[in-house]
Every structure is written in structure tokens, then in C-alpha cells.
Amino acid sequence: METRADQRARGAGRPAEPGFLGFVPAALVATMLTCAMIHVCFRFADRVESALGESASDAVSRLFAFILMCIGIEILWSGLPVLLAGVPRPA
């Protein structure tokens, strides 16, 4: 007879992982939704820009550039310790 500890040891009670066949359709749907959102943004970008005006459009552009720079610095900051850990130190 199998005990509760044996069931836990073999992973009983854990939700099953979807595996490769569950992952591929989800990734395809996510990719198609992302492409559709980008298409809508590009399609109506000229209308949004004309509604905002030149100065507001410039301000929004600078704000997005700042946010993108912050994301890049965050990625650099989180990856720098891993990069420096692989650099050999002089003896």
C-alpha cells in the first residue's frame, strides 16, 4: 500500500505541466495578439499625433524614450553581476 509520503515523493497532487503541445498554441495566440496590437497602434498613430499636436507629441515621445532607457538600465543592472561573476580576477 502506498503511503502519503510516497505519493508526495512521486509528485502526486501537483498540477500537470502543459508540456510542449500546450505551450505552442498559447505562444502562437500571444504572438498574434501582440502583432494585432502593434498593427492597430501603427494604423492610428498619425491620427493620435495630429490630435495631440506637435508639442504634446514631442513630450510623449520623450517620455517613452525615458521609460525605454530606464528599462534598458534595469536589464543592464540585473545582468551585470552575472557578467562580472564570469570575469576571471587577477591573482
C-alpha atoms as a PDB file:
ATOM      1  CA  MET A   1       0.000   0.000   0.000  1.00  0.00           C
ATOM      2  CA  GLU A   2       1.299   3.415  -0.951  1.00  0.00           C
ATOM      3  CA  THR A   3       1.621   5.940   1.838  1.00  0.00           C
ATOM      4  CA  ARG A   4       1.005   9.661   1.636  1.00  0.00           C
ATOM      5  CA  ALA A   5       4.765  10.302   1.757  1.00  0.00           C
ATOM      6  CA  ASP A   6       5.280   8.024  -1.242  1.00  0.00           C
ATOM      7  CA  GLN A   7       2.605   9.908  -3.188  1.00  0.00           C
ATOM      8  CA  ARG A   8       4.256  13.234  -2.401  1.00  0.00           C
ATOM      9  CA  ALA A   9       7.657  11.870  -3.374  1.00  0.00           C
ATOM     10  CA  ARG A  10       6.462  10.901  -6.843  1.00  0.00           C
ATOM     11  CA  GLY A  11       4.664  14.218  -7.317  1.00  0.00           C
ATOM     12  CA  ALA A  12       1.040  13.257  -6.794  1.00  0.00           C
ATOM     13  CA  GLY A  13      -1.229  16.202  -6.125  1.00  0.00           C
ATOM     14  CA  ARG A  14       0.863  18.548  -8.225  1.00  0.00           C
ATOM     15  CA  PRO A  15      -0.849  20.065 -11.247  1.00  0.00           C
ATOM     16  CA  ALA A  16       0.294  18.560 -14.509  1.00  0.00           C
ATOM     17  CA  GLU A  17       2.560  20.697 -16.655  1.00  0.00           C
ATOM     18  CA  PRO A  18       1.083  21.514 -20.059  1.00  0.00           C
ATOM     19  CA  GLY A  19       4.188  20.377 -21.898  1.00  0.00           C
ATOM     20  CA  PHE A  20       5.168  21.298 -25.425  1.00  0.00           C
ATOM     21  CA  LEU A  21       1.750  20.775 -27.027  1.00  0.00           C
ATOM     22  CA  GLY A  22       0.093  23.083 -24.513  1.00  0.00           C
ATOM     23  CA  PHE A  23       2.761  25.743 -24.857  1.00  0.00           C
ATOM     24  CA  VAL A  24       2.846  26.116 -28.645  1.00  0.00           C
ATOM     25  CA  PRO A  25      -0.795  27.188 -29.174  1.00  0.00           C
ATOM     26  CA  ALA A  26      -0.576  29.639 -26.270  1.00  0.00           C
ATOM     27  CA  ALA A  27       2.627  31.144 -27.689  1.00  0.00           C
ATOM     28  CA  LEU A  28       1.060  31.452 -31.150  1.00  0.00           C
ATOM     29  CA  VAL A  29      -2.043  33.183 -29.767  1.00  0.00           C
ATOM     30  CA  ALA A  30       0.113  35.574 -27.719  1.00  0.00           C
ATOM     31  CA  THR A  31       2.240  36.362 -30.784  1.00  0.00           C
ATOM     32  CA  MET A  32      -0.803  37.010 -32.968  1.00  0.00           C
ATOM     33  CA  LEU A  33      -2.365  39.295 -30.329  1.00  0.00           C
ATOM     34  CA  THR A  34       0.876  41.238 -29.999  1.00  0.00           C
ATOM     35  CA  CYS A  35       1.092  41.655 -33.790  1.00  0.00           C
ATOM     36  CA  ALA A  36      -2.527  42.808 -33.914  1.00  0.00           C
ATOM     37  CA  MET A  37      -1.942  45.414 -31.199  1.00  0.00           C
ATOM     38  CA  ILE A  38       1.164  46.722 -32.947  1.00  0.00           C
ATOM     39  CA  HIS A  39      -0.785  46.933 -36.222  1.00  0.00           C
ATOM     40  CA  VAL A  40      -3.564  48.950 -34.555  1.00  0.00           C
ATOM     41  CA  CYS A  41      -1.022  51.286 -32.938  1.00  0.00           C
ATOM     42  CA  PHE A  42       0.751  51.938 -36.242  1.00  0.00           C
ATOM     43  CA  ARG A  43      -2.512  52.294 -38.149  1.00  0.00           C
ATOM     44  CA  PHE A  44      -3.852  55.055 -35.916  1.00  0.00           C
ATOM     45  CA  ALA A  45      -0.544  56.715 -34.972  1.00  0.00           C
ATOM     46  CA  ASP A  46      -0.988  59.612 -37.406  1.00  0.00           C
ATOM     47  CA  ARG A  47      -4.461  60.375 -36.019  1.00  0.00           C
ATOM     48  CA  VAL A  48      -3.231  60.322 -32.441  1.00  0.00           C
ATOM     49  CA  GLU A  49      -0.278  62.532 -33.323  1.00  0.00           C
ATOM     50  CA  SER A  50      -2.473  65.089 -35.084  1.00  0.00           C
ATOM     51  CA  ALA A  51      -4.943  65.078 -32.163  1.00  0.00           C
ATOM     52  CA  LEU A  52      -2.162  65.654 -29.624  1.00  0.00           C
ATOM     53  CA  GLY A  53      -0.389  68.392 -31.518  1.00  0.00           C
ATOM     54  CA  GLU A  54       3.306  68.845 -32.152  1.00  0.00           C
ATOM     55  CA  SER A  55       4.452  69.818 -28.644  1.00  0.00           C
ATOM     56  CA  ALA A  56       2.427  67.145 -26.828  1.00  0.00           C
ATOM     57  CA  SER A  57       3.569  64.544 -29.345  1.00  0.00           C
ATOM     58  CA  ASP A  58       7.176  65.537 -28.699  1.00  0.00           C
ATOM     59  CA  ALA A  59       6.610  65.307 -24.932  1.00  0.00           C
ATOM     60  CA  VAL A  60       5.069  61.838 -25.224  1.00  0.00           C
ATOM     61  CA  SER A  61       7.941  60.733 -27.456  1.00  0.00           C
ATOM     62  CA  ARG A  62      10.495  61.928 -24.911  1.00  0.00           C
ATOM     63  CA  LEU A  63       8.589  60.242 -22.088  1.00  0.00           C
ATOM     64  CA  PHE A  64       8.560  56.899 -23.913  1.00  0.00           C
ATOM     65  CA  ALA A  65      12.262  57.280 -24.693  1.00  0.00           C
ATOM     66  CA  PHE A  66      12.961  57.858 -20.990  1.00  0.00           C
ATOM     67  CA  ILE A  67      10.908  54.800 -19.995  1.00  0.00           C
ATOM     68  CA  LEU A  68      12.752  52.682 -22.568  1.00  0.00           C
ATOM     69  CA  MET A  69      16.099  53.922 -21.247  1.00  0.00           C
ATOM     70  CA  CYS A  70      15.041  53.016 -17.689  1.00  0.00           C
ATOM     71  CA  ILE A  71      14.088  49.505 -18.797  1.00  0.00           C
ATOM     72  CA  GLY A  72      17.460  49.122 -20.512  1.00  0.00           C
ATOM     73  CA  ILE A  73      19.318  50.277 -17.407  1.00  0.00           C
ATOM     74  CA  GLU A  74      17.304  47.850 -15.277  1.00  0.00           C
ATOM     75  CA  ILE A  75      18.196  44.957 -17.600  1.00  0.00           C
ATOM     76  CA  LEU A  76      21.856  46.004 -17.525  1.00  0.00           C
ATOM     77  CA  TRP A  77      21.799  46.381 -13.747  1.00  0.00           C
ATOM     78  CA  SER A  78      20.280  42.923 -13.215  1.00  0.00           C
ATOM     79  CA  GLY A  79      22.659  41.225 -15.679  1.00  0.00           C
ATOM     80  CA  LEU A  80      25.867  42.966 -14.638  1.00  0.00           C
ATOM     81  CA  PRO A  81      26.579  40.803 -11.549  1.00  0.00           C
ATOM     82  CA  VAL A  82      26.194  37.640 -13.635  1.00  0.00           C
ATOM     83  CA  LEU A  83      28.542  39.055 -16.273  1.00  0.00           C
ATOM     84  CA  LEU A  84      31.125  40.168 -13.742  1.00  0.00           C
ATOM     85  CA  ALA A  85      30.983  36.818 -11.932  1.00  0.00           C
ATOM     86  CA  GLY A  86      32.346  35.142 -15.062  1.00  0.00           C
ATOM     87  CA  VAL A  87      35.304  37.506 -15.411  1.00  0.00           C
ATOM     88  CA  PRO A  88      38.500  35.973 -14.003  1.00  0.00           C
ATOM     89  CA  ARG A  89      40.162  38.022 -11.299  1.00  0.00           C
ATOM     90  CA  PRO A  90      43.897  38.681 -11.395  1.00  0.00           C
ATOM     91  CA  ALA A  91      45.927  36.660  -8.933  1.00  0.00           C
END
